Structure formats: C-alpha cells, structure tokens
C-alpha cells in the first residue's frame, strides 16, 4: 500500500531529542568564546590587570545571563520529552524552529555584552527569549493536541496545565524585565536574572510540593 512522504517523515522522537541536546551543548560552549583574556602586551601592572578584568564585567554578566537562559529552556524542553512519545514531520519542524532561537543566543548575548547600556540591545535579547518561549509553547501544544503524549488523563491534564502556566508566567515576567531598561539597563538584566534564578531553583515548586 502506497504511503505519502508526510506519513513517513519525522516519526522518531529520539532523533529530535538527540539533536536538541547537541544544539544546546554547542550554544553553551559558544557563549564563553565571546570572552577574551586581556592582551598581555597591554598589561604592565596589577592595576592594569584589575582594570582589564573589570572591563570584562558586561561580558561576564551577559554570559551568566545566557547560561541561565539556555539551562532553563533545556530543562523545559526535557520535561516535554518526558511525555512526548510520538511525532510527525510538523512536530520535528516546530522543534527545529525552537533550536533556531537557541542557536541565536550566542549572537544576542555578544550583542548585549557589547552594547549593554543600550535599550535596543536589551530588547533584541528579550525578543530572543520571547521567541524561545513561543516556540517551546507551540511545540508542546501541538504534541498535546495531536495525542503524541504518554500518560494517564489526569497526569497529562496536570502536565499541560503546569507547562502552559510556567511558560506564560515566565514570559510575562521577562517582558517586565525588558521594560525595566527604560529605568536602567542593568536593572533590566538583574530582574531577568532574578526571574531565571527563581525558575532554576524551583522555589515555587518546592513550596507547592510541601503544601
């Protein structure tokens, strides 16, 4: 019996997960390459070295910010793959678009670190985070809508509610953080890092699990 290409393509979830882990690993590695050791020929004293090290502060701050960002989104996608057991070519492409925005983070990080006092740099970086959140949301919603998930009805209902709520609330907080740049760009970055710290440490989840 003849089958269409669409019915054959994108059936292996393991391929998506393996590619995702590879892209995340490369993106994490590329982040540090933007930070260069001070040129030794320009260093003639301890004070020169300290001054050069302090000049790296914007790059180190942007590096930490993006390392947290990538870690959180890697964790978010990992949670989805705990439930996703089936796939098709459309879900594969949704995953690829998500990885597209993962792979742009080293660029937006370098852009932010170079122009950290400019609001435009904050908004470019925030746009990257927004697109990451939207693509991850659509990835889960498509899998949920097309019954690509494994689990009981109660488990999937709870997972869908938790994943959907986490993405929406986090993206709302990131937007608030981006708007803080109209006060001060460092305040904006600090706010976003605080949001990331909250989600990375799972403070809210621990409190709910104890109640």
N, C-alpha and C. Protein backbone atom coordinates (compact mmCIF):
# COMPACT_ATOMS: atom_id res chain seq x y z
N UNK A 1 0.85 -1.20 0.00
CA UNK A 1 0.00 0.00 0.00
C UNK A 1 0.89 1.25 0.00
N UNK A 2 0.64 2.16 -0.91
CA UNK A 2 1.46 3.37 -1.05
C UNK A 2 1.24 4.30 0.14
N UNK A 3 2.32 4.91 0.59
CA UNK A 3 2.26 5.88 1.67
C UNK A 3 2.86 7.20 1.22
N UNK A 4 2.31 8.29 1.73
CA UNK A 4 2.86 9.60 1.39
C UNK A 4 4.12 9.85 2.22
N UNK A 5 4.96 10.75 1.73
CA UNK A 5 6.19 11.09 2.44
C UNK A 5 5.87 11.68 3.81
N UNK A 6 4.81 12.49 3.89
CA UNK A 6 4.44 13.13 5.15
C UNK A 6 4.12 12.12 6.23
N UNK A 7 3.58 10.96 5.84
CA UNK A 7 3.24 9.95 6.82
C UNK A 7 4.46 9.16 7.29
N UNK A 8 5.57 9.30 6.58
CA UNK A 8 6.79 8.58 6.93
C UNK A 8 7.79 9.44 7.68
N UNK A 9 7.79 10.74 7.39
CA UNK A 9 8.83 11.63 7.93
C UNK A 9 8.57 11.99 9.39
N UNK A 10 9.67 12.20 10.10
CA UNK A 10 9.60 12.75 11.46
C UNK A 10 8.96 11.86 12.49
N UNK A 11 9.14 10.57 12.40
CA UNK A 11 8.48 9.65 13.32
C UNK A 11 9.29 9.35 14.57
N UNK A 12 10.58 9.63 14.57
CA UNK A 12 11.44 9.24 15.68
C UNK A 12 11.70 10.40 16.64
N UNK A 13 11.11 10.29 17.81
CA UNK A 13 11.29 11.31 18.83
C UNK A 13 12.74 11.36 19.30
N UNK A 14 13.41 10.20 19.31
CA UNK A 14 14.80 10.14 19.79
C UNK A 14 15.72 11.02 18.96
N UNK A 15 15.43 11.13 17.67
CA UNK A 15 16.26 11.98 16.79
C UNK A 15 16.11 13.45 17.19
N UNK A 16 14.90 13.86 17.49
CA UNK A 16 14.68 15.24 17.93
C UNK A 16 15.42 15.53 19.22
N UNK A 17 15.30 14.62 20.17
CA UNK A 17 15.92 14.83 21.47
C UNK A 17 17.45 14.87 21.36
N UNK A 18 18.01 13.97 20.54
CA UNK A 18 19.47 13.95 20.37
C UNK A 18 19.98 15.22 19.72
N UNK A 19 19.28 15.69 18.68
CA UNK A 19 19.68 16.93 18.01
C UNK A 19 19.57 18.11 18.96
N UNK A 20 18.52 18.14 19.74
CA UNK A 20 18.32 19.23 20.69
C UNK A 20 19.45 19.30 21.70
N UNK A 21 19.83 18.16 22.26
CA UNK A 21 20.92 18.14 23.23
C UNK A 21 22.22 18.63 22.60
N UNK A 22 22.45 18.25 21.34
CA UNK A 22 23.66 18.69 20.65
C UNK A 22 23.69 20.19 20.43
N UNK A 23 22.56 20.76 20.01
CA UNK A 23 22.49 22.21 19.77
C UNK A 23 22.64 22.97 21.08
N UNK A 24 22.00 22.50 22.13
CA UNK A 24 22.14 23.15 23.43
C UNK A 24 23.60 23.12 23.91
N UNK A 25 24.26 21.98 23.73
CA UNK A 25 25.65 21.86 24.17
C UNK A 25 26.56 22.82 23.40
N UNK A 26 26.34 22.93 22.09
CA UNK A 26 27.15 23.84 21.28
C UNK A 26 26.88 25.29 21.66
N UNK A 27 25.61 25.63 21.87
CA UNK A 27 25.25 27.01 22.24
C UNK A 27 25.90 27.39 23.57
N UNK A 28 25.88 26.47 24.54
CA UNK A 28 26.51 26.74 25.83
C UNK A 28 28.01 26.97 25.67
N UNK A 29 28.64 26.19 24.79
CA UNK A 29 30.08 26.33 24.57
C UNK A 29 30.42 27.64 23.87
N UNK A 30 29.60 28.02 22.89
CA UNK A 30 29.88 29.24 22.13
C UNK A 30 29.78 30.50 22.99
N UNK A 31 28.99 30.44 24.05
CA UNK A 31 28.82 31.62 24.90
C UNK A 31 30.15 32.13 25.45
N UNK A 32 30.99 31.21 25.90
CA UNK A 32 32.24 31.61 26.55
C UNK A 32 33.26 32.13 25.56
N UNK A 33 33.10 31.81 24.28
CA UNK A 33 34.09 32.22 23.28
C UNK A 33 34.09 33.73 23.06
N UNK A 34 33.02 34.41 23.49
CA UNK A 34 32.98 35.87 23.34
C UNK A 34 33.83 36.57 24.38
N UNK A 35 34.24 35.85 25.42
CA UNK A 35 35.03 36.45 26.48
C UNK A 35 36.51 36.16 26.23
N UNK A 36 37.25 37.20 25.98
CA UNK A 36 38.67 37.08 25.64
C UNK A 36 39.55 37.47 26.83
N UNK A 37 40.64 36.77 26.99
CA UNK A 37 41.62 37.12 28.02
C UNK A 37 42.28 38.46 27.64
N UNK A 38 42.48 39.36 28.61
CA UNK A 38 43.12 40.65 28.29
C UNK A 38 44.46 40.46 27.57
N UNK A 39 44.76 41.35 26.65
CA UNK A 39 46.00 41.27 25.87
C UNK A 39 47.18 41.53 26.80
N UNK A 40 48.09 40.58 26.87
CA UNK A 40 49.20 40.67 27.83
C UNK A 40 50.13 41.85 27.56
N UNK A 41 50.27 42.23 26.30
CA UNK A 41 51.19 43.34 25.96
C UNK A 41 50.70 44.68 26.50
N UNK A 42 49.40 44.74 26.85
CA UNK A 42 48.84 45.98 27.37
C UNK A 42 48.82 46.02 28.89
N UNK A 43 49.22 44.92 29.52
CA UNK A 43 49.21 44.82 30.97
C UNK A 43 50.64 45.00 31.50
N UNK A 44 50.81 46.03 32.33
CA UNK A 44 52.16 46.31 32.85
C UNK A 44 52.19 46.36 34.38
N UNK A 45 51.00 46.20 35.00
CA UNK A 45 50.97 46.24 36.45
C UNK A 45 49.71 45.53 36.94
N UNK A 46 49.64 45.32 38.26
CA UNK A 46 48.45 44.69 38.84
C UNK A 46 47.21 45.55 38.59
N UNK A 47 47.39 46.88 38.69
CA UNK A 47 46.24 47.76 38.48
C UNK A 47 45.74 47.69 37.04
N UNK A 48 46.66 47.55 36.10
CA UNK A 48 46.26 47.39 34.70
C UNK A 48 45.45 46.11 34.51
N UNK A 49 45.89 45.04 35.17
CA UNK A 49 45.19 43.76 35.05
C UNK A 49 43.81 43.82 35.68
N UNK A 50 43.72 44.47 36.84
CA UNK A 50 42.42 44.62 37.51
C UNK A 50 41.48 45.46 36.66
N UNK A 51 42.00 46.53 36.07
CA UNK A 51 41.18 47.39 35.20
C UNK A 51 40.68 46.61 34.00
N UNK A 52 41.56 45.81 33.40
CA UNK A 52 41.15 45.00 32.24
C UNK A 52 40.14 43.94 32.63
N UNK A 53 40.29 43.39 33.83
CA UNK A 53 39.33 42.39 34.30
C UNK A 53 37.97 43.03 34.57
N UNK A 54 37.97 44.20 35.15
CA UNK A 54 36.71 44.91 35.40
C UNK A 54 36.01 45.27 34.10
N UNK A 55 36.79 45.52 33.06
CA UNK A 55 36.20 45.85 31.75
C UNK A 55 35.44 44.67 31.16
N UNK A 56 35.74 43.48 31.67
CA UNK A 56 35.04 42.28 31.19
C UNK A 56 33.69 42.06 31.88
N UNK A 57 33.36 42.90 32.86
CA UNK A 57 32.14 42.71 33.63
C UNK A 57 30.89 42.59 32.77
N UNK A 58 30.67 43.47 31.78
CA UNK A 58 29.47 43.31 30.94
C UNK A 58 29.41 41.97 30.22
N UNK A 59 30.55 41.49 29.74
CA UNK A 59 30.57 40.21 29.04
C UNK A 59 30.32 39.05 29.99
N UNK A 60 30.89 39.12 31.19
CA UNK A 60 30.67 38.07 32.18
C UNK A 60 29.22 38.05 32.64
N UNK A 61 28.62 39.23 32.79
CA UNK A 61 27.23 39.32 33.20
C UNK A 61 26.31 38.74 32.12
N UNK A 62 26.57 39.10 30.87
CA UNK A 62 25.77 38.57 29.76
C UNK A 62 25.96 37.06 29.62
N UNK A 63 27.18 36.60 29.87
CA UNK A 63 27.45 35.16 29.81
C UNK A 63 26.63 34.41 30.86
N UNK A 64 26.65 34.91 32.09
CA UNK A 64 25.88 34.27 33.16
C UNK A 64 24.39 34.29 32.84
N UNK A 65 23.92 35.42 32.35
CA UNK A 65 22.51 35.56 31.98
C UNK A 65 22.11 34.51 30.95
N UNK A 66 22.91 34.34 29.91
CA UNK A 66 22.57 33.42 28.84
C UNK A 66 22.78 31.96 29.25
N UNK A 67 23.76 31.71 30.10
CA UNK A 67 23.95 30.34 30.59
C UNK A 67 22.70 29.90 31.35
N UNK A 68 22.16 30.80 32.16
CA UNK A 68 20.91 30.52 32.88
C UNK A 68 19.75 30.35 31.91
N UNK A 69 19.68 31.21 30.90
CA UNK A 69 18.61 31.14 29.91
C UNK A 69 18.60 29.79 29.20
N UNK A 70 19.77 29.40 28.70
CA UNK A 70 19.86 28.13 27.99
C UNK A 70 19.53 26.96 28.91
N UNK A 71 20.03 27.01 30.14
CA UNK A 71 19.75 25.94 31.09
C UNK A 71 18.27 25.78 31.37
N UNK A 72 17.57 26.90 31.53
CA UNK A 72 16.14 26.85 31.82
C UNK A 72 15.35 26.30 30.64
N UNK A 73 15.67 26.73 29.44
CA UNK A 73 14.94 26.25 28.27
C UNK A 73 15.29 24.80 27.94
N UNK A 74 16.52 24.40 28.21
CA UNK A 74 16.89 22.98 28.05
C UNK A 74 16.07 22.12 29.02
N UNK A 75 15.96 22.60 30.26
CA UNK A 75 15.16 21.88 31.24
C UNK A 75 13.69 21.82 30.86
N UNK A 76 13.17 22.95 30.33
CA UNK A 76 11.77 22.99 29.91
C UNK A 76 11.49 22.02 28.78
N UNK A 77 12.40 21.96 27.81
CA UNK A 77 12.19 21.02 26.72
C UNK A 77 12.34 19.57 27.20
N UNK A 78 13.24 19.33 28.13
CA UNK A 78 13.43 17.99 28.67
C UNK A 78 12.16 17.48 29.34
N UNK A 79 11.47 18.37 30.05
CA UNK A 79 10.20 17.98 30.68
C UNK A 79 9.19 17.55 29.61
N UNK A 80 9.13 18.29 28.52
CA UNK A 80 8.19 17.93 27.45
C UNK A 80 8.50 16.55 26.88
N UNK A 81 9.78 16.26 26.69
CA UNK A 81 10.16 14.97 26.11
C UNK A 81 9.93 13.80 27.06
N UNK A 82 9.67 14.08 28.34
CA UNK A 82 9.29 13.02 29.25
C UNK A 82 7.92 12.45 28.89
N UNK A 83 7.10 13.28 28.24
CA UNK A 83 5.74 12.88 27.90
C UNK A 83 5.56 12.58 26.41
N UNK A 84 6.36 13.22 25.56
CA UNK A 84 6.19 13.05 24.12
C UNK A 84 6.80 11.72 23.68
N UNK A 85 5.97 10.83 23.17
CA UNK A 85 6.44 9.52 22.72
C UNK A 85 6.19 9.28 21.24
N UNK A 86 5.45 10.18 20.59
CA UNK A 86 5.18 10.06 19.16
C UNK A 86 5.44 11.40 18.49
N UNK A 87 5.59 11.38 17.18
CA UNK A 87 5.93 12.60 16.47
C UNK A 87 5.49 12.50 15.01
N UNK A 88 5.54 13.64 14.32
CA UNK A 88 5.37 13.69 12.87
C UNK A 88 6.29 14.79 12.35
N UNK A 89 6.27 15.01 11.05
CA UNK A 89 7.21 15.99 10.48
C UNK A 89 6.93 17.41 10.96
N UNK A 90 5.68 17.72 11.27
CA UNK A 90 5.35 19.07 11.74
C UNK A 90 5.94 19.33 13.13
N UNK A 91 5.87 18.33 14.00
CA UNK A 91 6.47 18.49 15.32
C UNK A 91 7.99 18.60 15.20
N UNK A 92 8.58 17.86 14.26
CA UNK A 92 10.02 17.96 14.02
C UNK A 92 10.41 19.38 13.63
N UNK A 93 9.62 20.00 12.77
CA UNK A 93 9.94 21.34 12.32
C UNK A 93 9.69 22.38 13.41
N UNK A 94 8.69 22.15 14.24
CA UNK A 94 8.49 23.03 15.39
C UNK A 94 9.69 22.95 16.32
N UNK A 95 10.23 21.75 16.48
CA UNK A 95 11.42 21.59 17.30
C UNK A 95 12.63 22.29 16.67
N UNK A 96 12.74 22.20 15.35
CA UNK A 96 13.86 22.86 14.66
C UNK A 96 13.78 24.38 14.79
N UNK A 97 12.58 24.93 14.72
CA UNK A 97 12.45 26.38 14.89
C UNK A 97 12.80 26.79 16.32
N UNK A 98 12.47 25.95 17.28
CA UNK A 98 12.88 26.22 18.66
C UNK A 98 14.40 26.23 18.75
N UNK A 99 15.05 25.26 18.10
CA UNK A 99 16.51 25.20 18.11
C UNK A 99 17.14 26.36 17.34
N UNK A 100 16.42 26.90 16.37
CA UNK A 100 16.88 28.09 15.66
C UNK A 100 17.11 29.23 16.64
N UNK A 101 16.17 29.41 17.54
CA UNK A 101 16.28 30.50 18.51
C UNK A 101 17.28 30.18 19.62
N UNK A 102 17.49 28.88 19.89
CA UNK A 102 18.55 28.50 20.82
C UNK A 102 19.91 28.87 20.23
N UNK A 103 20.09 28.58 18.95
CA UNK A 103 21.38 28.82 18.30
C UNK A 103 21.68 30.30 18.09
N UNK A 104 20.67 31.16 18.16
CA UNK A 104 20.92 32.61 18.03
C UNK A 104 21.33 33.25 19.35
N UNK A 105 21.19 32.54 20.45
CA UNK A 105 21.52 33.12 21.76
C UNK A 105 22.98 33.57 21.88
N UNK A 106 23.96 32.81 21.36
CA UNK A 106 25.33 33.33 21.43
C UNK A 106 25.49 34.69 20.75
N UNK A 107 24.78 34.90 19.63
CA UNK A 107 24.86 36.20 18.96
C UNK A 107 24.21 37.30 19.78
N UNK A 108 22.97 37.06 20.25
CA UNK A 108 22.28 38.10 21.01
C UNK A 108 22.99 38.37 22.34
N UNK A 109 23.67 37.36 22.87
CA UNK A 109 24.46 37.55 24.08
C UNK A 109 25.65 38.46 23.81
N UNK A 110 26.37 38.19 22.71
CA UNK A 110 27.51 39.04 22.34
C UNK A 110 27.05 40.46 22.04
N UNK A 111 25.91 40.58 21.38
CA UNK A 111 25.34 41.91 21.07
C UNK A 111 25.02 42.66 22.35
N UNK A 112 24.41 41.96 23.30
CA UNK A 112 24.07 42.59 24.57
C UNK A 112 25.32 43.00 25.35
N UNK A 113 26.32 42.13 25.39
CA UNK A 113 27.53 42.44 26.16
C UNK A 113 28.30 43.61 25.56
N UNK A 114 28.20 43.78 24.26
CA UNK A 114 28.91 44.88 23.59
C UNK A 114 28.18 46.21 23.76
N UNK A 115 26.86 46.16 23.86
CA UNK A 115 26.05 47.39 23.95
C UNK A 115 25.12 47.32 25.16
N UNK A 116 25.68 46.95 26.30
CA UNK A 116 24.88 46.64 27.48
C UNK A 116 24.15 47.86 28.05
N UNK A 117 24.59 49.05 27.73
CA UNK A 117 23.92 50.25 28.24
C UNK A 117 22.85 50.78 27.28
N UNK A 118 22.60 50.06 26.20
CA UNK A 118 21.61 50.50 25.21
C UNK A 118 20.32 49.67 25.33
N UNK A 119 19.19 50.38 25.31
CA UNK A 119 17.90 49.68 25.42
C UNK A 119 17.65 48.76 24.23
N UNK A 120 18.13 49.13 23.06
CA UNK A 120 17.94 48.28 21.88
C UNK A 120 18.54 46.90 22.09
N UNK A 121 19.72 46.85 22.71
CA UNK A 121 20.37 45.57 22.97
C UNK A 121 19.53 44.71 23.91
N UNK A 122 18.92 45.35 24.91
CA UNK A 122 18.04 44.62 25.84
C UNK A 122 16.85 44.04 25.10
N UNK A 123 16.25 44.83 24.22
CA UNK A 123 15.06 44.37 23.51
C UNK A 123 15.39 43.27 22.49
N UNK A 124 16.56 43.35 21.88
CA UNK A 124 16.97 42.27 20.98
C UNK A 124 17.12 40.97 21.76
N UNK A 125 17.74 41.06 22.92
CA UNK A 125 17.92 39.87 23.75
C UNK A 125 16.57 39.35 24.25
N UNK A 126 15.71 40.26 24.70
CA UNK A 126 14.38 39.85 25.17
C UNK A 126 13.57 39.21 24.04
N UNK A 127 13.70 39.73 22.82
CA UNK A 127 13.00 39.14 21.69
C UNK A 127 13.44 37.70 21.48
N UNK A 128 14.72 37.43 21.66
CA UNK A 128 15.23 36.06 21.56
C UNK A 128 14.56 35.16 22.60
N UNK A 129 14.45 35.65 23.83
CA UNK A 129 13.80 34.88 24.89
C UNK A 129 12.32 34.67 24.57
N UNK A 130 11.67 35.71 24.06
CA UNK A 130 10.25 35.61 23.71
C UNK A 130 10.03 34.54 22.64
N UNK A 131 10.86 34.54 21.61
CA UNK A 131 10.72 33.55 20.54
C UNK A 131 11.03 32.14 21.04
N UNK A 132 11.95 32.02 21.96
CA UNK A 132 12.20 30.73 22.58
C UNK A 132 10.95 30.23 23.31
N UNK A 133 10.35 31.11 24.09
CA UNK A 133 9.15 30.73 24.84
C UNK A 133 7.99 30.37 23.95
N UNK A 134 7.76 31.18 22.91
CA UNK A 134 6.65 30.91 22.00
C UNK A 134 6.84 29.60 21.25
N UNK A 135 8.05 29.35 20.76
CA UNK A 135 8.30 28.12 20.01
C UNK A 135 8.19 26.89 20.90
N UNK A 136 8.64 27.01 22.15
CA UNK A 136 8.51 25.89 23.07
C UNK A 136 7.04 25.65 23.42
N UNK A 137 6.28 26.71 23.53
CA UNK A 137 4.84 26.61 23.82
C UNK A 137 4.11 25.92 22.66
N UNK A 138 4.40 26.34 21.43
CA UNK A 138 3.76 25.74 20.27
C UNK A 138 4.16 24.28 20.11
N UNK A 139 5.40 23.96 20.45
CA UNK A 139 5.89 22.59 20.38
C UNK A 139 5.06 21.68 21.29
N UNK A 140 4.85 22.13 22.52
CA UNK A 140 4.06 21.34 23.47
C UNK A 140 2.59 21.30 23.07
N UNK A 141 2.04 22.43 22.68
CA UNK A 141 0.62 22.50 22.33
C UNK A 141 0.30 21.58 21.15
N UNK A 142 1.20 21.53 20.17
CA UNK A 142 0.97 20.66 19.01
C UNK A 142 1.00 19.19 19.43
N UNK A 143 1.98 18.83 20.26
CA UNK A 143 2.07 17.45 20.72
C UNK A 143 0.85 17.07 21.55
N UNK A 144 0.39 17.98 22.38
CA UNK A 144 -0.78 17.73 23.22
C UNK A 144 -2.05 17.60 22.37
N UNK A 145 -2.20 18.49 21.41
CA UNK A 145 -3.40 18.49 20.57
C UNK A 145 -3.51 17.22 19.72
N UNK A 146 -2.37 16.68 19.29
CA UNK A 146 -2.38 15.53 18.38
C UNK A 146 -2.12 14.21 19.10
N UNK A 147 -2.27 14.21 20.42
CA UNK A 147 -2.17 12.98 21.22
C UNK A 147 -0.84 12.26 21.03
N UNK A 148 0.24 13.02 21.06
CA UNK A 148 1.58 12.44 20.95
C UNK A 148 2.18 12.16 22.33
N UNK A 149 1.36 12.26 23.37
CA UNK A 149 1.84 12.17 24.74
C UNK A 149 1.48 10.84 25.38
N UNK A 150 2.31 10.44 26.35
CA UNK A 150 2.06 9.20 27.09
C UNK A 150 1.78 9.54 28.54
N UNK A 151 0.72 8.93 29.08
CA UNK A 151 0.37 9.14 30.48
C UNK A 151 -1.12 9.01 30.67
N UNK A 152 -1.55 8.97 31.91
CA UNK A 152 -2.98 8.91 32.18
C UNK A 152 -3.62 10.27 31.89
N UNK A 153 -4.91 10.29 31.82
CA UNK A 153 -5.63 11.53 31.54
C UNK A 153 -5.34 12.57 32.61
N UNK A 154 -5.29 12.12 33.86
CA UNK A 154 -5.03 13.03 34.98
C UNK A 154 -3.59 13.58 34.92
N UNK A 155 -2.65 12.69 34.59
CA UNK A 155 -1.25 13.12 34.50
C UNK A 155 -1.05 14.13 33.38
N UNK A 156 -1.66 13.88 32.24
CA UNK A 156 -1.48 14.79 31.10
C UNK A 156 -2.18 16.12 31.33
N UNK A 157 -3.31 16.09 32.01
CA UNK A 157 -4.01 17.34 32.33
C UNK A 157 -3.15 18.20 33.25
N UNK A 158 -2.57 17.55 34.28
CA UNK A 158 -1.72 18.29 35.23
C UNK A 158 -0.46 18.80 34.54
N UNK A 159 0.15 17.97 33.67
CA UNK A 159 1.36 18.38 32.97
C UNK A 159 1.07 19.54 32.02
N UNK A 160 -0.03 19.46 31.28
CA UNK A 160 -0.39 20.52 30.34
C UNK A 160 -0.62 21.84 31.07
N UNK A 161 -1.31 21.77 32.18
CA UNK A 161 -1.59 22.98 32.96
C UNK A 161 -0.30 23.59 33.50
N UNK A 162 0.59 22.73 34.03
CA UNK A 162 1.83 23.22 34.63
C UNK A 162 2.76 23.81 33.58
N UNK A 163 2.93 23.13 32.45
CA UNK A 163 3.83 23.60 31.39
C UNK A 163 3.31 24.90 30.79
N UNK A 164 2.02 24.93 30.49
CA UNK A 164 1.41 26.13 29.91
C UNK A 164 1.53 27.33 30.86
N UNK A 165 1.23 27.10 32.13
CA UNK A 165 1.29 28.17 33.12
C UNK A 165 2.72 28.68 33.30
N UNK A 166 3.68 27.76 33.35
CA UNK A 166 5.08 28.14 33.55
C UNK A 166 5.58 29.03 32.42
N UNK A 167 5.28 28.66 31.18
CA UNK A 167 5.76 29.44 30.04
C UNK A 167 5.12 30.83 30.01
N UNK A 168 3.80 30.88 30.23
CA UNK A 168 3.09 32.16 30.16
C UNK A 168 3.55 33.11 31.26
N UNK A 169 3.65 32.61 32.48
CA UNK A 169 4.07 33.47 33.60
C UNK A 169 5.52 33.92 33.42
N UNK A 170 6.39 32.98 33.04
CA UNK A 170 7.80 33.34 32.85
C UNK A 170 7.97 34.39 31.77
N UNK A 171 7.27 34.23 30.65
CA UNK A 171 7.38 35.20 29.57
C UNK A 171 6.83 36.56 29.98
N UNK A 172 5.80 36.56 30.80
CA UNK A 172 5.26 37.83 31.30
C UNK A 172 6.29 38.54 32.17
N UNK A 173 6.98 37.78 33.01
CA UNK A 173 8.00 38.36 33.88
C UNK A 173 9.21 38.84 33.07
N UNK A 174 9.58 38.08 32.04
CA UNK A 174 10.68 38.52 31.18
C UNK A 174 10.33 39.85 30.50
N UNK A 175 9.06 40.00 30.11
CA UNK A 175 8.63 41.24 29.47
C UNK A 175 8.74 42.41 30.44
N UNK A 176 8.37 42.17 31.71
CA UNK A 176 8.52 43.21 32.73
C UNK A 176 10.00 43.57 32.88
N UNK A 177 10.85 42.53 32.89
CA UNK A 177 12.28 42.78 32.99
C UNK A 177 12.81 43.61 31.84
N UNK A 178 12.33 43.33 30.64
CA UNK A 178 12.77 44.10 29.47
C UNK A 178 12.34 45.56 29.59
N UNK A 179 11.14 45.79 30.11
CA UNK A 179 10.64 47.16 30.24
C UNK A 179 11.42 47.95 31.29
N UNK A 180 12.06 47.24 32.21
CA UNK A 180 12.87 47.91 33.23
C UNK A 180 14.05 48.66 32.61
N UNK A 181 14.39 48.35 31.36
CA UNK A 181 15.52 49.03 30.72
C UNK A 181 15.26 50.52 30.54
N UNK A 182 13.97 50.92 30.59
CA UNK A 182 13.66 52.35 30.48
C UNK A 182 14.08 53.09 31.75
N UNK A 183 14.30 52.32 32.83
CA UNK A 183 14.85 52.91 34.06
C UNK A 183 16.37 52.79 34.04
N UNK A 184 16.84 51.54 33.84
CA UNK A 184 18.27 51.28 33.79
C UNK A 184 18.49 49.91 33.18
N UNK A 185 19.44 49.78 32.26
CA UNK A 185 19.64 48.51 31.59
C UNK A 185 20.17 47.43 32.54
N UNK A 186 20.98 47.84 33.51
CA UNK A 186 21.48 46.86 34.47
C UNK A 186 20.36 46.37 35.39
N UNK A 187 19.40 47.25 35.68
CA UNK A 187 18.22 46.84 36.44
C UNK A 187 17.43 45.80 35.66
N UNK A 188 17.31 46.02 34.37
CA UNK A 188 16.60 45.09 33.49
C UNK A 188 17.26 43.71 33.52
N UNK A 189 18.58 43.69 33.38
CA UNK A 189 19.31 42.42 33.39
C UNK A 189 19.21 41.75 34.75
N UNK A 190 19.31 42.52 35.81
CA UNK A 190 19.21 41.96 37.16
C UNK A 190 17.84 41.35 37.41
N UNK A 191 16.80 42.00 36.91
CA UNK A 191 15.44 41.49 37.08
C UNK A 191 15.29 40.16 36.35
N UNK A 192 15.79 40.10 35.12
CA UNK A 192 15.69 38.86 34.34
C UNK A 192 16.47 37.73 35.00
N UNK A 193 17.65 38.05 35.53
CA UNK A 193 18.44 37.04 36.24
C UNK A 193 17.69 36.54 37.48
N UNK A 194 17.01 37.46 38.18
CA UNK A 194 16.24 37.07 39.36
C UNK A 194 15.11 36.11 38.97
N UNK A 195 14.44 36.40 37.85
CA UNK A 195 13.39 35.51 37.36
C UNK A 195 13.97 34.14 37.02
N UNK A 196 15.11 34.14 36.35
CA UNK A 196 15.75 32.88 35.99
C UNK A 196 16.16 32.09 37.24
N UNK A 197 16.68 32.81 38.23
CA UNK A 197 17.07 32.14 39.47
C UNK A 197 15.88 31.47 40.15
N UNK A 198 14.76 32.17 40.12
CA UNK A 198 13.53 31.63 40.72
C UNK A 198 13.13 30.32 40.04
N UNK A 199 13.14 30.32 38.71
CA UNK A 199 12.73 29.11 37.98
C UNK A 199 13.81 28.03 38.02
N UNK A 200 15.07 28.42 38.00
CA UNK A 200 16.14 27.42 38.03
C UNK A 200 16.16 26.68 39.36
N UNK A 201 15.91 27.40 40.46
CA UNK A 201 15.94 26.79 41.79
C UNK A 201 14.63 26.09 42.13
N UNK A 202 13.56 26.38 41.35
CA UNK A 202 12.28 25.73 41.59
C UNK A 202 11.69 26.05 42.94
N UNK A 203 11.86 27.30 43.38
CA UNK A 203 11.39 27.69 44.71
C UNK A 203 9.89 27.48 44.86
N UNK A 204 9.14 27.93 43.85
CA UNK A 204 7.69 27.81 43.92
C UNK A 204 7.25 26.36 43.94
N UNK A 205 7.92 25.52 43.15
CA UNK A 205 7.55 24.11 43.08
C UNK A 205 7.79 23.41 44.40
N UNK A 206 8.88 23.77 45.08
CA UNK A 206 9.16 23.14 46.37
C UNK A 206 8.10 23.51 47.40
N UNK A 207 7.68 24.77 47.36
CA UNK A 207 6.65 25.21 48.31
C UNK A 207 5.34 24.48 48.07
N UNK A 208 4.96 24.33 46.78
CA UNK A 208 3.71 23.65 46.47
C UNK A 208 3.76 22.18 46.84
N UNK A 209 4.94 21.56 46.66
CA UNK A 209 5.05 20.13 46.97
C UNK A 209 4.94 19.87 48.46
N UNK A 210 5.29 20.87 49.30
CA UNK A 210 5.21 20.70 50.75
C UNK A 210 3.81 20.92 51.27
N UNK A 211 3.02 21.67 50.50
CA UNK A 211 1.68 22.02 50.98
C UNK A 211 0.71 20.88 50.77
